[in-house]
N, C-alpha and C. Protein backbone atom coordinates (compact mmCIF):
# COMPACT_ATOMS: atom_id res chain seq x y z
N MET A 1 6.08 13.52 -4.50
CA MET A 1 6.68 12.78 -3.40
C MET A 1 6.28 11.32 -3.50
N ASN A 2 7.25 10.44 -3.34
CA ASN A 2 6.95 9.02 -3.32
C ASN A 2 6.21 8.64 -2.06
N THR A 3 5.26 7.75 -2.20
CA THR A 3 4.47 7.32 -1.05
C THR A 3 5.08 6.11 -0.39
N ILE A 4 5.74 5.27 -1.20
CA ILE A 4 6.30 4.02 -0.71
C ILE A 4 7.81 4.10 -0.75
N ASN A 5 8.44 3.63 0.31
CA ASN A 5 9.88 3.59 0.39
C ASN A 5 10.33 2.18 0.73
N SER A 6 11.39 1.74 0.08
CA SER A 6 11.97 0.45 0.38
C SER A 6 13.48 0.67 0.48
N ASP A 7 13.99 0.60 1.69
CA ASP A 7 15.40 0.89 1.97
C ASP A 7 15.95 -0.26 2.82
N PRO A 8 17.04 -0.86 2.41
CA PRO A 8 17.58 -1.98 3.19
C PRO A 8 17.89 -1.61 4.66
N ASP A 9 18.08 -0.33 4.92
CA ASP A 9 18.37 0.11 6.29
C ASP A 9 17.11 0.35 7.12
N ILE A 10 15.94 0.27 6.49
CA ILE A 10 14.67 0.45 7.21
C ILE A 10 13.90 -0.85 7.12
N LEU A 11 13.78 -1.53 8.25
CA LEU A 11 13.06 -2.82 8.33
C LEU A 11 13.51 -3.82 7.26
N GLY A 12 14.81 -3.80 6.96
CA GLY A 12 15.37 -4.76 6.02
C GLY A 12 14.84 -4.65 4.60
N GLY A 13 14.37 -3.46 4.24
CA GLY A 13 13.87 -3.25 2.88
C GLY A 13 12.38 -3.47 2.71
N THR A 14 11.68 -3.79 3.80
CA THR A 14 10.24 -3.94 3.73
C THR A 14 9.62 -2.63 3.22
N PRO A 15 8.72 -2.67 2.26
CA PRO A 15 8.10 -1.45 1.79
C PRO A 15 7.30 -0.76 2.93
N VAL A 16 7.63 0.50 3.16
CA VAL A 16 6.99 1.28 4.22
C VAL A 16 6.44 2.57 3.62
N PHE A 17 5.55 3.21 4.39
CA PHE A 17 5.10 4.55 4.00
C PHE A 17 6.29 5.49 4.10
N ASN A 18 6.52 6.26 3.07
CA ASN A 18 7.67 7.15 3.02
C ASN A 18 7.71 8.06 4.24
N GLY A 19 8.87 8.19 4.85
CA GLY A 19 9.06 9.03 6.01
C GLY A 19 8.66 8.37 7.32
N THR A 20 8.31 7.08 7.26
CA THR A 20 7.90 6.35 8.46
C THR A 20 8.61 4.99 8.49
N ARG A 21 8.31 4.25 9.54
CA ARG A 21 8.74 2.85 9.61
C ARG A 21 7.51 1.95 9.64
N VAL A 22 6.41 2.43 9.09
CA VAL A 22 5.16 1.70 9.07
C VAL A 22 5.06 0.91 7.77
N PRO A 23 5.08 -0.41 7.84
CA PRO A 23 4.99 -1.24 6.64
C PRO A 23 3.64 -1.03 5.92
N ILE A 24 3.70 -0.99 4.61
CA ILE A 24 2.49 -0.91 3.77
C ILE A 24 1.57 -2.07 4.10
N LYS A 25 2.14 -3.25 4.36
CA LYS A 25 1.33 -4.44 4.66
C LYS A 25 0.40 -4.19 5.84
N ASN A 26 0.81 -3.35 6.79
CA ASN A 26 -0.06 -3.07 7.94
C ASN A 26 -1.41 -2.51 7.50
N LEU A 27 -1.38 -1.64 6.50
CA LEU A 27 -2.65 -1.08 6.01
C LEU A 27 -3.56 -2.19 5.49
N PHE A 28 -3.00 -3.07 4.68
CA PHE A 28 -3.82 -4.14 4.09
C PHE A 28 -4.27 -5.13 5.17
N ASP A 29 -3.43 -5.36 6.18
CA ASP A 29 -3.85 -6.21 7.30
C ASP A 29 -5.06 -5.61 8.00
N TYR A 30 -5.03 -4.29 8.24
CA TYR A 30 -6.15 -3.63 8.88
C TYR A 30 -7.42 -3.78 8.03
N LEU A 31 -7.31 -3.47 6.76
CA LEU A 31 -8.48 -3.51 5.88
C LEU A 31 -9.02 -4.93 5.75
N GLU A 32 -8.12 -5.91 5.72
CA GLU A 32 -8.51 -7.31 5.58
C GLU A 32 -9.34 -7.77 6.79
N THR A 33 -9.04 -7.22 7.95
CA THR A 33 -9.79 -7.64 9.15
C THR A 33 -11.02 -6.79 9.40
N GLY A 34 -11.34 -5.88 8.46
CA GLY A 34 -12.54 -5.07 8.58
C GLY A 34 -12.35 -3.73 9.27
N GLU A 35 -11.11 -3.42 9.62
CA GLU A 35 -10.84 -2.11 10.24
C GLU A 35 -10.97 -1.02 9.19
N THR A 36 -11.19 0.18 9.64
CA THR A 36 -11.33 1.30 8.74
C THR A 36 -9.99 2.02 8.52
N ILE A 37 -9.98 2.85 7.50
CA ILE A 37 -8.80 3.68 7.27
C ILE A 37 -8.60 4.60 8.46
N GLU A 38 -9.68 5.09 9.05
CA GLU A 38 -9.59 5.98 10.19
C GLU A 38 -8.91 5.29 11.37
N ALA A 39 -9.26 4.02 11.60
CA ALA A 39 -8.61 3.25 12.69
C ALA A 39 -7.14 3.11 12.42
N PHE A 40 -6.78 2.82 11.17
CA PHE A 40 -5.37 2.70 10.80
C PHE A 40 -4.65 4.00 11.08
N LEU A 41 -5.23 5.11 10.63
CA LEU A 41 -4.59 6.42 10.82
C LEU A 41 -4.48 6.78 12.29
N ASP A 42 -5.47 6.41 13.10
CA ASP A 42 -5.41 6.65 14.54
C ASP A 42 -4.25 5.88 15.17
N ASP A 43 -4.06 4.64 14.72
CA ASP A 43 -3.02 3.79 15.31
C ASP A 43 -1.63 4.10 14.75
N PHE A 44 -1.55 4.72 13.59
CA PHE A 44 -0.27 5.06 12.98
C PHE A 44 -0.29 6.53 12.57
N PRO A 45 -0.18 7.42 13.54
CA PRO A 45 -0.31 8.86 13.26
C PRO A 45 0.79 9.44 12.36
N SER A 46 1.88 8.70 12.17
CA SER A 46 2.93 9.20 11.30
C SER A 46 2.58 9.03 9.81
N VAL A 47 1.51 8.30 9.54
CA VAL A 47 1.05 8.10 8.16
C VAL A 47 -0.10 9.07 7.88
N GLY A 48 -0.05 9.74 6.76
CA GLY A 48 -1.10 10.67 6.39
C GLY A 48 -2.18 10.01 5.54
N ARG A 49 -3.37 10.61 5.58
CA ARG A 49 -4.50 10.12 4.78
C ARG A 49 -4.16 10.07 3.31
N GLU A 50 -3.48 11.11 2.81
CA GLU A 50 -3.13 11.14 1.39
C GLU A 50 -2.18 10.00 1.02
N GLN A 51 -1.30 9.62 1.94
CA GLN A 51 -0.43 8.48 1.69
C GLN A 51 -1.23 7.21 1.56
N VAL A 52 -2.20 7.02 2.45
CA VAL A 52 -3.04 5.82 2.39
C VAL A 52 -3.82 5.78 1.08
N LEU A 53 -4.43 6.88 0.73
CA LEU A 53 -5.21 6.93 -0.52
C LEU A 53 -4.33 6.71 -1.74
N SER A 54 -3.11 7.21 -1.70
CA SER A 54 -2.17 7.00 -2.80
C SER A 54 -1.80 5.54 -2.94
N VAL A 55 -1.53 4.87 -1.82
CA VAL A 55 -1.20 3.45 -1.86
C VAL A 55 -2.37 2.62 -2.39
N LEU A 56 -3.57 2.96 -1.97
CA LEU A 56 -4.76 2.24 -2.46
C LEU A 56 -4.95 2.46 -3.95
N ALA A 57 -4.76 3.68 -4.42
CA ALA A 57 -4.90 3.98 -5.85
C ALA A 57 -3.84 3.24 -6.66
N PHE A 58 -2.63 3.22 -6.14
CA PHE A 58 -1.53 2.50 -6.81
C PHE A 58 -1.83 1.00 -6.89
N SER A 59 -2.34 0.47 -5.80
CA SER A 59 -2.71 -0.96 -5.77
C SER A 59 -3.79 -1.27 -6.79
N GLN A 60 -4.75 -0.37 -6.92
CA GLN A 60 -5.82 -0.55 -7.92
C GLN A 60 -5.25 -0.55 -9.32
N GLN A 61 -4.29 0.33 -9.59
CA GLN A 61 -3.65 0.37 -10.91
C GLN A 61 -2.92 -0.92 -11.21
N ILE A 62 -2.24 -1.46 -10.22
CA ILE A 62 -1.53 -2.74 -10.39
C ILE A 62 -2.53 -3.86 -10.69
N LEU A 63 -3.63 -3.90 -9.94
CA LEU A 63 -4.64 -4.93 -10.18
C LEU A 63 -5.26 -4.81 -11.56
N ASN A 64 -5.55 -3.58 -11.97
CA ASN A 64 -6.12 -3.38 -13.31
C ASN A 64 -5.16 -3.82 -14.39
N ALA A 65 -3.89 -3.48 -14.25
CA ALA A 65 -2.91 -3.84 -15.25
C ALA A 65 -2.71 -5.35 -15.30
N SER A 66 -2.67 -6.00 -14.15
CA SER A 66 -2.46 -7.45 -14.15
C SER A 66 -3.69 -8.18 -14.68
N THR A 67 -4.88 -7.67 -14.39
CA THR A 67 -6.10 -8.27 -14.94
C THR A 67 -6.12 -8.14 -16.46
N GLN A 68 -5.75 -6.97 -16.94
CA GLN A 68 -5.71 -6.77 -18.40
C GLN A 68 -4.69 -7.69 -19.04
N LEU A 69 -3.52 -7.82 -18.43
CA LEU A 69 -2.47 -8.68 -18.96
C LEU A 69 -2.93 -10.14 -18.97
N MET A 70 -3.56 -10.59 -17.90
CA MET A 70 -4.06 -11.97 -17.86
C MET A 70 -5.10 -12.18 -18.95
N HIS A 71 -5.98 -11.20 -19.15
CA HIS A 71 -7.02 -11.32 -20.16
C HIS A 71 -6.39 -11.39 -21.56
N GLU A 72 -5.41 -10.55 -21.82
CA GLU A 72 -4.74 -10.55 -23.12
C GLU A 72 -4.04 -11.87 -23.39
N ASN A 73 -3.45 -12.45 -22.34
CA ASN A 73 -2.75 -13.72 -22.51
C ASN A 73 -3.72 -14.89 -22.69
N SER A 74 -4.90 -14.80 -22.15
CA SER A 74 -5.86 -15.90 -22.27
C SER A 74 -6.62 -15.84 -23.59
N VAL A 75 -6.71 -14.67 -24.21
CA VAL A 75 -7.42 -14.51 -25.46
C VAL A 75 -6.62 -15.04 -26.61
N GLY A 76 -5.30 -14.81 -26.55
CA GLY A 76 -4.43 -15.15 -27.67
C GLY A 76 -4.11 -16.58 -27.70
């Protein structure tokens, strides 16, 4: 199951947690201000813990790939 959905008919295509209208950005806003995943889940009960963990893992993969790409481009 996909964790992230982007549909022009849902919040104008803003990436949301699949099956919800909760923007992915809300999770990062919570974490940026020091809130916990538990607080986020309490405030957005339509989002599941596994969805949050999947988004965080996906974000880590993107960061790792971009860091590796930047390193490869700076070495050459």
